[in-house]
Protein backbone atom coordinates (compact mmCIF):
# COMPACT_ATOMS: atom_id res chain seq x y z
CA UNK A 1 39.08 -26.97 10.69
CA UNK A 2 40.12 -29.20 13.55
CA UNK A 3 43.29 -29.25 15.56
CA UNK A 4 44.96 -32.55 16.18
CA UNK A 5 46.17 -33.06 19.73
CA UNK A 6 48.75 -35.64 20.63
CA UNK A 7 49.20 -36.76 24.20
CA UNK A 8 52.34 -38.32 25.47
CA UNK A 9 52.05 -41.44 27.54
CA UNK A 10 53.97 -39.49 30.17
CA UNK A 11 51.71 -38.16 32.88
CA UNK A 12 53.36 -37.86 36.23
CA UNK A 13 51.83 -37.67 39.64
CA UNK A 14 52.22 -39.19 43.04
CA UNK A 15 49.28 -41.55 43.34
CA UNK A 16 48.35 -44.83 44.99
CA UNK A 17 47.96 -46.69 41.67
CA UNK A 18 50.23 -44.80 39.30
CA UNK A 19 50.11 -46.84 36.09
CA UNK A 20 46.31 -47.03 35.76
CA UNK A 21 45.84 -43.57 37.23
CA UNK A 22 48.22 -41.95 34.72
CA UNK A 23 46.49 -43.57 31.77
CA UNK A 24 43.06 -42.59 33.06
CA UNK A 25 44.07 -38.95 33.66
CA UNK A 26 45.73 -38.66 30.23
CA UNK A 27 42.71 -40.16 28.44
CA UNK A 28 40.26 -37.90 30.27
CA UNK A 29 42.32 -34.78 29.53
CA UNK A 30 42.54 -35.82 25.88
CA UNK A 31 38.75 -36.20 25.68
CA UNK A 32 38.17 -32.80 27.26
CA UNK A 33 40.48 -31.12 24.72
CA UNK A 34 39.08 -32.79 21.59
CA UNK A 35 37.31 -30.78 18.91
CA UNK A 36 39.28 -27.56 18.81
CA UNK A 37 38.72 -24.92 16.14
CA UNK A 38 42.12 -23.36 16.81
CA UNK A 39 44.32 -22.61 13.83
CA UNK A 40 47.77 -24.01 14.57
CA UNK A 41 50.51 -22.80 12.20
CA UNK A 42 53.30 -24.96 13.59
CA UNK A 43 53.50 -27.84 16.04
CA UNK A 44 53.42 -26.65 19.65
CA UNK A 45 54.28 -28.61 22.77
CA UNK A 46 52.70 -27.52 26.05
CA UNK A 47 53.44 -28.78 29.55
CA UNK A 48 50.38 -28.56 31.76
CA UNK A 49 50.58 -28.64 35.55
CA UNK A 50 47.38 -29.03 37.53
CA UNK A 51 45.93 -30.54 40.64
CA UNK A 52 42.55 -31.95 41.49
CA UNK A 53 40.58 -30.40 44.33
CA UNK A 54 38.63 -32.42 46.89
CA UNK A 55 35.82 -32.87 44.33
CA UNK A 56 38.21 -34.21 41.66
CA UNK A 57 37.86 -30.99 39.66
CA UNK A 58 40.82 -29.64 37.71
CA UNK A 59 42.61 -26.60 39.07
CA UNK A 60 45.15 -25.47 36.47
CA UNK A 61 48.36 -24.23 38.02
CA UNK A 62 50.51 -23.51 34.96
CA UNK A 63 51.03 -24.20 31.30
CA UNK A 64 54.13 -23.13 29.47
CA UNK A 65 52.49 -22.01 26.23
CA UNK A 66 53.50 -18.61 24.92
CA UNK A 67 50.39 -18.58 22.73
CA UNK A 68 47.46 -16.71 24.28
CA UNK A 69 44.85 -18.65 22.29
CA UNK A 70 46.25 -22.05 23.19
CA UNK A 71 46.41 -21.09 26.87
CA UNK A 72 42.83 -19.80 26.78
CA UNK A 73 41.65 -22.94 24.99
CA UNK A 74 43.26 -25.15 27.64
CA UNK A 75 41.83 -23.08 30.49
CA UNK A 76 38.29 -22.99 29.06
CA UNK A 77 38.23 -26.70 28.32
CA UNK A 78 39.76 -27.93 31.57
CA UNK A 79 39.16 -25.49 34.43
CA UNK A 80 36.99 -27.09 37.13
CA UNK A 81 36.11 -30.08 34.95
CA UNK A 82 35.71 -33.23 36.99
CA UNK A 83 37.93 -36.25 36.43
CA UNK A 84 36.88 -39.71 37.41
CA UNK A 85 39.70 -40.97 39.60
CA UNK A 86 40.13 -42.33 43.10
CA UNK A 87 39.32 -39.63 45.69
CA UNK A 88 42.48 -40.41 47.65
CA UNK A 89 44.47 -38.96 44.74
CA UNK A 90 42.83 -35.55 45.00
CA UNK A 91 45.15 -32.66 45.86
CA UNK A 92 48.06 -34.31 44.03
CA UNK A 93 50.00 -32.49 41.34
CA UNK A 94 49.75 -33.76 37.77
CA UNK A 95 52.03 -32.94 34.82
CA UNK A 96 50.67 -33.62 31.34
CA UNK A 97 52.53 -32.90 28.09
CA UNK A 98 50.23 -31.91 25.23
CA UNK A 99 51.20 -31.49 21.59
CA UNK A 100 49.16 -29.34 19.23
CA UNK A 101 49.82 -30.42 15.64
CA UNK A 102 49.79 -27.88 12.80
CA UNK A 103 46.58 -27.91 10.79
CA UNK A 104 47.85 -25.58 8.04
CA UNK A 105 49.17 -27.23 4.89
C-alpha cells in the first residue's frame, strides 16, 4: 500500500534565486518522501519548516502534524539528508506544505 503525497508549488524561503530554488527544493523533498507504507485514513496537510546547515543537509525545525506516524515518517526521511542547492542559500529557513492523500477506499 502506498501513500500519495502532493506538494504545493508554494515553497518559501529567502534565497538569491527564488523561483528556481523553490522548485528545486520542492522536487527534492518530494523525491525523499516517495514510497511511504503509511496508512492514511483521511487527507492530511502538513506544514514543514526546516533549514539547511552549512553542508546543505536538512535540519527539521517544525511540522504541524498531530499524527505521530506522519511526523516520524517525515523526520526519518528528511533529517540530515543533503539537498543540491547553491551553498549561499544554506542557513535559510524553508517552508514546505505537504499533503498526504488518503489511501483507504
